[in-house]
């Protein structure tokens, strides 16, 4: 059948892997350092991968292609969810999934601050929508600047949580869809949103609130605002 489907320009592709993460259907994979449309029947033609590509390597085209197979996509998602307990989707080496366990140390040598980051990656744009570290997690959605403005960010907010960070002004994207998938498709126990007092951080808060509503779940959530001089305002 003739239908709308994506086209990936290999010459423009930088191999960042963001399109593969953005493709909720699993139609795109990284092959030899380049993004490939490996399952045409998994591509729904909506183009969620287009805004994720920083190189502009993805476009739409009308051509002969197999019909979108929703049942096959659903089955593959379930299988992928099981596989991700043991491995991660290939892509940019810097985006490889990692989970950390920080042991509390009461010795004098441990007086220095300890990182409470529980996983990698942590950028909203890079983190996958499904990963083992999301199972049963308390989710912290934080603006980039909060860790610099608020001195005790790790202990007061990040400890015991899975942290994802972003800046809607710098990324120039709406995080709502990505956050919706994370909350909807994982066993998230609670959501804490930590933002700066500046207006642009409202975009992060709105995206998180929209995601909570769109997920169809009723889970505890709160918003904490940090002042530019490092105080908690509410």
C-alpha atoms as a PDB file:
ATOM      1  CA  UNK A   1       0.000   0.000   0.000  1.00  0.00           C
ATOM      2  CA  UNK A   2       1.053   3.634  -0.535  1.00  0.00           C
ATOM      3  CA  UNK A   3       1.249   5.502   2.744  1.00  0.00           C
ATOM      4  CA  UNK A   4       3.172   8.139   4.694  1.00  0.00           C
ATOM      5  CA  UNK A   5       6.322   6.787   6.341  1.00  0.00           C
ATOM      6  CA  UNK A   6       9.563   8.263   7.644  1.00  0.00           C
ATOM      7  CA  UNK A   7      12.806   8.509   5.686  1.00  0.00           C
ATOM      8  CA  UNK A   8      16.214   8.709   7.413  1.00  0.00           C
ATOM      9  CA  UNK A   9      19.052  10.461   5.580  1.00  0.00           C
ATOM     10  CA  UNK A  10      22.134   8.456   6.608  1.00  0.00           C
ATOM     11  CA  UNK A  11      24.483  11.217   5.459  1.00  0.00           C
ATOM     12  CA  UNK A  12      22.908  13.650   7.943  1.00  0.00           C
ATOM     13  CA  UNK A  13      22.497  11.116  10.770  1.00  0.00           C
ATOM     14  CA  UNK A  14      25.037  11.710  13.559  1.00  0.00           C
ATOM     15  CA  UNK A  15      24.262   8.481  15.420  1.00  0.00           C
ATOM     16  CA  UNK A  16      23.025  10.188  18.595  1.00  0.00           C
ATOM     17  CA  UNK A  17      20.241   7.625  19.054  1.00  0.00           C
ATOM     18  CA  UNK A  18      17.590  10.150  20.123  1.00  0.00           C
ATOM     19  CA  UNK A  19      15.192   9.120  17.356  1.00  0.00           C
ATOM     20  CA  UNK A  20      15.391   5.471  18.423  1.00  0.00           C
ATOM     21  CA  UNK A  21      14.460   6.509  21.962  1.00  0.00           C
ATOM     22  CA  UNK A  22      11.634   8.734  20.705  1.00  0.00           C
ATOM     23  CA  UNK A  23      10.128   6.010  18.518  1.00  0.00           C
ATOM     24  CA  UNK A  24       7.579   4.466  20.876  1.00  0.00           C
ATOM     25  CA  UNK A  25       6.811   1.690  18.403  1.00  0.00           C
ATOM     26  CA  UNK A  26      10.387   0.419  18.078  1.00  0.00           C
ATOM     27  CA  UNK A  27      10.550   0.920  14.320  1.00  0.00           C
ATOM     28  CA  UNK A  28      13.995   2.577  14.507  1.00  0.00           C
ATOM     29  CA  UNK A  29      17.206   1.005  15.764  1.00  0.00           C
ATOM     30  CA  UNK A  30      20.860   1.992  15.714  1.00  0.00           C
ATOM     31  CA  UNK A  31      22.844  -0.112  13.224  1.00  0.00           C
ATOM     32  CA  UNK A  32      26.587   0.447  12.764  1.00  0.00           C
ATOM     33  CA  UNK A  33      26.300   3.854  14.407  1.00  0.00           C
ATOM     34  CA  UNK A  34      23.427   5.069  12.233  1.00  0.00           C
ATOM     35  CA  UNK A  35      19.657   5.229  12.729  1.00  0.00           C
ATOM     36  CA  UNK A  36      17.776   2.706  10.583  1.00  0.00           C
ATOM     37  CA  UNK A  37      14.085   2.148   9.943  1.00  0.00           C
ATOM     38  CA  UNK A  38      14.317  -1.591  10.574  1.00  0.00           C
ATOM     39  CA  UNK A  39      10.578  -2.402  10.815  1.00  0.00           C
ATOM     40  CA  UNK A  40       8.433  -0.523   8.318  1.00  0.00           C
ATOM     41  CA  UNK A  41       5.262  -2.173   9.653  1.00  0.00           C
ATOM     42  CA  UNK A  42       6.042  -0.660  13.081  1.00  0.00           C
ATOM     43  CA  UNK A  43       6.131   2.927  11.769  1.00  0.00           C
ATOM     44  CA  UNK A  44       2.743   4.584  12.370  1.00  0.00           C
ATOM     45  CA  UNK A  45       3.616   7.623  10.246  1.00  0.00           C
ATOM     46  CA  UNK A  46       3.010  10.121  13.063  1.00  0.00           C
ATOM     47  CA  UNK A  47       6.666  11.140  13.234  1.00  0.00           C
ATOM     48  CA  UNK A  48       7.406  11.333  16.963  1.00  0.00           C
ATOM     49  CA  UNK A  49      11.034  10.833  15.942  1.00  0.00           C
ATOM     50  CA  UNK A  50      11.199  14.004  13.806  1.00  0.00           C
ATOM     51  CA  UNK A  51      11.509  16.620  16.578  1.00  0.00           C
ATOM     52  CA  UNK A  52      13.945  14.362  18.459  1.00  0.00           C
ATOM     53  CA  UNK A  53      16.501  14.490  15.626  1.00  0.00           C
ATOM     54  CA  UNK A  54      18.920  17.407  16.173  1.00  0.00           C
ATOM     55  CA  UNK A  55      20.461  16.927  12.706  1.00  0.00           C
ATOM     56  CA  UNK A  56      17.232  17.145  10.711  1.00  0.00           C
ATOM     57  CA  UNK A  57      17.943  13.738   9.176  1.00  0.00           C
ATOM     58  CA  UNK A  58      14.339  12.496   9.324  1.00  0.00           C
ATOM     59  CA  UNK A  59      11.549  13.482   6.940  1.00  0.00           C
ATOM     60  CA  UNK A  60       8.230  12.069   5.717  1.00  0.00           C
ATOM     61  CA  UNK A  61       7.739  10.427   2.344  1.00  0.00           C
ATOM     62  CA  UNK A  62       4.830   8.779   0.521  1.00  0.00           C
ATOM     63  CA  UNK A  63       5.775   5.349  -0.828  1.00  0.00           C
ATOM     64  CA  UNK A  64       4.941   1.679  -0.968  1.00  0.00           C
ATOM     65  CA  UNK A  65       5.182   0.241   2.529  1.00  0.00           C
ATOM     66  CA  UNK A  66       3.524  -2.487   4.597  1.00  0.00           C
ATOM     67  CA  UNK A  67       0.507  -1.470   6.671  1.00  0.00           C
ATOM     68  CA  UNK A  68       1.095  -0.371  10.260  1.00  0.00           C
ATOM     69  CA  UNK A  69       0.716  -3.469  12.464  1.00  0.00           C
ATOM     70  CA  UNK A  70      -0.548  -2.292  15.855  1.00  0.00           C
ATOM     71  CA  UNK A  71      -0.834  -5.822  17.273  1.00  0.00           C
ATOM     72  CA  UNK A  72       2.783  -6.621  16.394  1.00  0.00           C
ATOM     73  CA  UNK A  73       3.941  -3.356  17.964  1.00  0.00           C
ATOM     74  CA  UNK A  74       2.094  -4.128  21.195  1.00  0.00           C
ATOM     75  CA  UNK A  75       3.606  -7.601  21.364  1.00  0.00           C
ATOM     76  CA  UNK A  76       7.099  -6.266  20.693  1.00  0.00           C
ATOM     77  CA  UNK A  77       6.713  -3.670  23.451  1.00  0.00           C
ATOM     78  CA  UNK A  78       5.880  -6.359  25.988  1.00  0.00           C
ATOM     79  CA  UNK A  79       8.853  -8.446  24.886  1.00  0.00           C
ATOM     80  CA  UNK A  80      11.125  -5.397  24.989  1.00  0.00           C
ATOM     81  CA  UNK A  81      10.015  -4.560  28.503  1.00  0.00           C
ATOM     82  CA  UNK A  82      11.132  -7.999  29.650  1.00  0.00           C
ATOM     83  CA  UNK A  83      14.429  -7.788  27.767  1.00  0.00           C
ATOM     84  CA  UNK A  84      15.262  -4.398  29.285  1.00  0.00           C
ATOM     85  CA  UNK A  85      15.619  -6.012  32.672  1.00  0.00           C
ATOM     86  CA  UNK A  86      18.850  -7.473  31.318  1.00  0.00           C
ATOM     87  CA  UNK A  87      20.008  -5.195  28.507  1.00  0.00           C
ATOM     88  CA  UNK A  88      19.539  -1.740  27.023  1.00  0.00           C
ATOM     89  CA  UNK A  89      18.705  -0.544  23.539  1.00  0.00           C
ATOM     90  CA  UNK A  90      21.871   0.226  21.529  1.00  0.00           C
ATOM     91  CA  UNK A  91      22.554   3.846  20.771  1.00  0.00           C
ATOM     92  CA  UNK A  92      24.943   6.592  21.783  1.00  0.00           C
ATOM     93  CA  UNK A  93      27.476   5.124  24.280  1.00  0.00           C
ATOM     94  CA  UNK A  94      26.830   8.068  26.588  1.00  0.00           C
ATOM     95  CA  UNK A  95      23.160   7.075  26.784  1.00  0.00           C
ATOM     96  CA  UNK A  96      23.810   3.519  27.983  1.00  0.00           C
ATOM     97  CA  UNK A  97      21.544   2.613  30.901  1.00  0.00           C
ATOM     98  CA  UNK A  98      23.232   2.435  34.287  1.00  0.00           C
ATOM     99  CA  UNK A  99      21.799   1.992  37.761  1.00  0.00           C
ATOM    100  CA  UNK A 100      23.738   3.057  40.859  1.00  0.00           C
ATOM    101  CA  UNK A 101      23.643   1.902  44.454  1.00  0.00           C
ATOM    102  CA  UNK A 102      25.196   4.335  46.911  1.00  0.00           C
ATOM    103  CA  UNK A 103      26.080   2.810  50.267  1.00  0.00           C
ATOM    104  CA  UNK A 104      25.746   5.020  53.343  1.00  0.00           C
ATOM    105  CA  UNK A 105      29.124   5.383  55.042  1.00  0.00           C
ATOM    106  CA  UNK A 106      29.299   6.604  58.632  1.00  0.00           C
ATOM    107  CA  UNK A 107      33.112   6.718  58.774  1.00  0.00           C
ATOM    108  CA  UNK A 108      34.957  10.055  59.208  1.00  0.00           C
ATOM    109  CA  UNK A 109      36.342   9.695  55.702  1.00  0.00           C
ATOM    110  CA  UNK A 110      32.797   9.895  54.363  1.00  0.00           C
ATOM    111  CA  UNK A 111      32.227  13.460  55.559  1.00  0.00           C
ATOM    112  CA  UNK A 112      32.222  14.750  52.004  1.00  0.00           C
ATOM    113  CA  UNK A 113      28.968  14.848  50.043  1.00  0.00           C
ATOM    114  CA  UNK A 114      27.769  11.644  48.360  1.00  0.00           C
ATOM    115  CA  UNK A 115      26.034  11.548  44.991  1.00  0.00           C
ATOM    116  CA  UNK A 116      22.402  10.445  45.154  1.00  0.00           C
ATOM    117  CA  UNK A 117      21.920  10.084  41.406  1.00  0.00           C
ATOM    118  CA  UNK A 118      20.317   6.660  41.050  1.00  0.00           C
ATOM    119  CA  UNK A 119      20.639   6.054  37.313  1.00  0.00           C
ATOM    120  CA  UNK A 120      22.032   7.146  33.952  1.00  0.00           C
ATOM    121  CA  UNK A 121      21.028   8.840  31.687  1.00  0.00           C
ATOM    122  CA  UNK A 122      19.153  11.522  33.576  1.00  0.00           C
ATOM    123  CA  UNK A 123      18.291  14.082  30.863  1.00  0.00           C
ATOM    124  CA  UNK A 124      14.585  13.856  29.930  1.00  0.00           C
ATOM    125  CA  UNK A 125      15.539  13.918  26.240  1.00  0.00           C
ATOM    126  CA  UNK A 126      17.880  10.936  26.650  1.00  0.00           C
ATOM    127  CA  UNK A 127      16.228   8.737  29.258  1.00  0.00           C
ATOM    128  CA  UNK A 128      14.161   5.843  27.800  1.00  0.00           C
ATOM    129  CA  UNK A 129      10.452   5.715  28.541  1.00  0.00           C
ATOM    130  CA  UNK A 130      10.786   2.230  29.995  1.00  0.00           C
ATOM    131  CA  UNK A 131      13.696   0.993  32.105  1.00  0.00           C
ATOM    132  CA  UNK A 132      14.184  -1.287  35.128  1.00  0.00           C
ATOM    133  CA  UNK A 133      15.051   1.645  37.381  1.00  0.00           C
ATOM    134  CA  UNK A 134      11.538   3.070  36.899  1.00  0.00           C
ATOM    135  CA  UNK A 135       9.880   0.000  38.507  1.00  0.00           C
ATOM    136  CA  UNK A 136       8.491   1.113  41.868  1.00  0.00           C
ATOM    137  CA  UNK A 137      10.375   4.420  41.633  1.00  0.00           C
ATOM    138  CA  UNK A 138       9.723   7.749  43.261  1.00  0.00           C
ATOM    139  CA  UNK A 139      10.226  10.096  40.312  1.00  0.00           C
ATOM    140  CA  UNK A 140      11.965  13.462  40.642  1.00  0.00           C
ATOM    141  CA  UNK A 141      11.464  15.839  37.712  1.00  0.00           C
ATOM    142  CA  UNK A 142      13.935  18.678  38.203  1.00  0.00           C
ATOM    143  CA  UNK A 143      14.900  21.794  36.296  1.00  0.00           C
ATOM    144  CA  UNK A 144      18.586  21.852  35.309  1.00  0.00           C
ATOM    145  CA  UNK A 145      19.422  24.906  37.427  1.00  0.00           C
ATOM    146  CA  UNK A 146      17.978  23.596  40.692  1.00  0.00           C
ATOM    147  CA  UNK A 147      21.046  21.485  41.483  1.00  0.00           C
ATOM    148  CA  UNK A 148      23.228  24.596  41.231  1.00  0.00           C
ATOM    149  CA  UNK A 149      20.925  26.985  43.082  1.00  0.00           C
ATOM    150  CA  UNK A 150      19.927  24.660  45.933  1.00  0.00           C
ATOM    151  CA  UNK A 151      22.999  23.462  47.820  1.00  0.00           C
ATOM    152  CA  UNK A 152      21.502  20.316  49.352  1.00  0.00           C
ATOM    153  CA  UNK A 153      19.725  19.033  46.238  1.00  0.00           C
ATOM    154  CA  UNK A 154      21.127  15.495  46.463  1.00  0.00           C
ATOM    155  CA  UNK A 155      20.196  14.848  50.082  1.00  0.00           C
ATOM    156  CA  UNK A 156      16.903  16.729  50.260  1.00  0.00           C
ATOM    157  CA  UNK A 157      15.384  15.783  46.909  1.00  0.00           C
ATOM    158  CA  UNK A 158      17.383  13.207  44.913  1.00  0.00           C
ATOM    159  CA  UNK A 159      18.026  10.661  47.657  1.00  0.00           C
ATOM    160  CA  UNK A 160      15.841   7.590  47.166  1.00  0.00           C
ATOM    161  CA  UNK A 161      14.426   8.841  43.866  1.00  0.00           C
ATOM    162  CA  UNK A 162      14.988   8.364  40.145  1.00  0.00           C
ATOM    163  CA  UNK A 163      15.924  11.803  38.813  1.00  0.00           C
ATOM    164  CA  UNK A 164      15.169  13.191  35.348  1.00  0.00           C
ATOM    165  CA  UNK A 165      16.217  16.736  34.469  1.00  0.00           C
ATOM    166  CA  UNK A 166      15.547  19.235  31.735  1.00  0.00           C
ATOM    167  CA  UNK A 167      15.155  22.867  30.721  1.00  0.00           C
ATOM    168  CA  UNK A 168      12.259  23.664  28.363  1.00  0.00           C
ATOM    169  CA  UNK A 169      13.894  26.960  27.396  1.00  0.00           C
ATOM    170  CA  UNK A 170      17.193  25.389  26.321  1.00  0.00           C
ATOM    171  CA  UNK A 171      15.721  22.220  24.809  1.00  0.00           C
ATOM    172  CA  UNK A 172      12.826  24.127  23.189  1.00  0.00           C
ATOM    173  CA  UNK A 173      10.581  21.068  23.446  1.00  0.00           C
ATOM    174  CA  UNK A 174       7.441  20.041  25.305  1.00  0.00           C
ATOM    175  CA  UNK A 175       8.351  17.211  27.663  1.00  0.00           C
ATOM    176  CA  UNK A 176       4.716  16.240  28.282  1.00  0.00           C
ATOM    177  CA  UNK A 177       4.586  13.285  25.889  1.00  0.00           C
ATOM    178  CA  UNK A 178       7.833  11.734  27.147  1.00  0.00           C
ATOM    179  CA  UNK A 179       6.865  12.189  30.783  1.00  0.00           C
ATOM    180  CA  UNK A 180       3.398  10.789  30.107  1.00  0.00           C
ATOM    181  CA  UNK A 181       4.915   7.592  28.728  1.00  0.00           C
ATOM    182  CA  UNK A 182       7.270   7.271  31.706  1.00  0.00           C
ATOM    183  CA  UNK A 183       4.464   7.659  34.244  1.00  0.00           C
ATOM    184  CA  UNK A 184       1.898   5.629  32.286  1.00  0.00           C
ATOM    185  CA  UNK A 185       4.095   2.685  31.350  1.00  0.00           C
ATOM    186  CA  UNK A 186       5.959   2.187  34.636  1.00  0.00           C
ATOM    187  CA  UNK A 187       5.102   1.588  38.275  1.00  0.00           C
ATOM    188  CA  UNK A 188       5.802   5.126  39.472  1.00  0.00           C
ATOM    189  CA  UNK A 189       4.959   5.573  43.161  1.00  0.00           C
ATOM    190  CA  UNK A 190       5.144   9.367  43.427  1.00  0.00           C
ATOM    191  CA  UNK A 191       6.247  12.452  41.489  1.00  0.00           C
ATOM    192  CA  UNK A 192       8.156  15.454  42.844  1.00  0.00           C
ATOM    193  CA  UNK A 193       8.668  18.463  40.584  1.00  0.00           C
ATOM    194  CA  UNK A 194      11.494  20.808  41.587  1.00  0.00           C
ATOM    195  CA  UNK A 195      11.664  24.018  39.550  1.00  0.00           C
ATOM    196  CA  UNK A 196      13.214  27.459  39.722  1.00  0.00           C
ATOM    197  CA  UNK A 197      11.148  30.591  40.400  1.00  0.00           C
ATOM    198  CA  UNK A 198      11.864  31.922  36.883  1.00  0.00           C
ATOM    199  CA  UNK A 199       8.939  31.917  34.391  1.00  0.00           C
ATOM    200  CA  UNK A 200      10.565  29.573  31.864  1.00  0.00           C
ATOM    201  CA  UNK A 201      10.497  26.801  34.469  1.00  0.00           C
ATOM    202  CA  UNK A 202       6.717  26.937  34.261  1.00  0.00           C
ATOM    203  CA  UNK A 203       7.029  24.925  31.070  1.00  0.00           C
ATOM    204  CA  UNK A 204       8.568  22.034  32.981  1.00  0.00           C
ATOM    205  CA  UNK A 205       5.871  22.161  35.645  1.00  0.00           C
ATOM    206  CA  UNK A 206       3.069  22.302  33.061  1.00  0.00           C
ATOM    207  CA  UNK A 207       4.558  19.374  31.152  1.00  0.00           C
ATOM    208  CA  UNK A 208       4.775  17.286  34.320  1.00  0.00           C
ATOM    209  CA  UNK A 209       1.225  18.177  35.387  1.00  0.00           C
ATOM    210  CA  UNK A 210      -0.089  17.382  31.895  1.00  0.00           C
ATOM    211  CA  UNK A 211       1.741  14.059  31.989  1.00  0.00           C
ATOM    212  CA  UNK A 212       0.195  13.149  35.329  1.00  0.00           C
ATOM    213  CA  UNK A 213      -3.281  13.857  33.963  1.00  0.00           C
ATOM    214  CA  UNK A 214      -2.693  12.116  30.626  1.00  0.00           C
ATOM    215  CA  UNK A 215      -1.248   9.002  32.282  1.00  0.00           C
ATOM    216  CA  UNK A 216      -4.642   8.129  33.735  1.00  0.00           C
ATOM    217  CA  UNK A 217      -3.040   7.366  37.088  1.00  0.00           C
ATOM    218  CA  UNK A 218      -3.703   8.884  40.507  1.00  0.00           C
ATOM    219  CA  UNK A 219      -0.408   9.079  42.348  1.00  0.00           C
ATOM    220  CA  UNK A 220       0.940  11.500  44.974  1.00  0.00           C
ATOM    221  CA  UNK A 221       2.746  14.525  43.555  1.00  0.00           C
ATOM    222  CA  UNK A 222       4.117  17.864  44.691  1.00  0.00           C
ATOM    223  CA  UNK A 223       5.811  20.963  43.296  1.00  0.00           C
ATOM    224  CA  UNK A 224       8.746  22.664  45.048  1.00  0.00           C
ATOM    225  CA  UNK A 225      10.005  26.054  43.839  1.00  0.00           C
ATOM    226  CA  UNK A 226      13.590  27.195  44.419  1.00  0.00           C
ATOM    227  CA  UNK A 227      14.542  30.877  44.475  1.00  0.00           C
ATOM    228  CA  UNK A 228      17.479  32.175  42.472  1.00  0.00           C
ATOM    229  CA  UNK A 229      19.439  32.617  45.696  1.00  0.00           C
ATOM    230  CA  UNK A 230      18.845  29.001  46.714  1.00  0.00           C
ATOM    231  CA  UNK A 231      15.854  29.091  49.072  1.00  0.00           C
ATOM    232  CA  UNK A 232      12.765  26.853  49.040  1.00  0.00           C
ATOM    233  CA  UNK A 233       9.791  29.130  48.330  1.00  0.00           C
ATOM    234  CA  UNK A 234       6.951  26.620  48.696  1.00  0.00           C
END
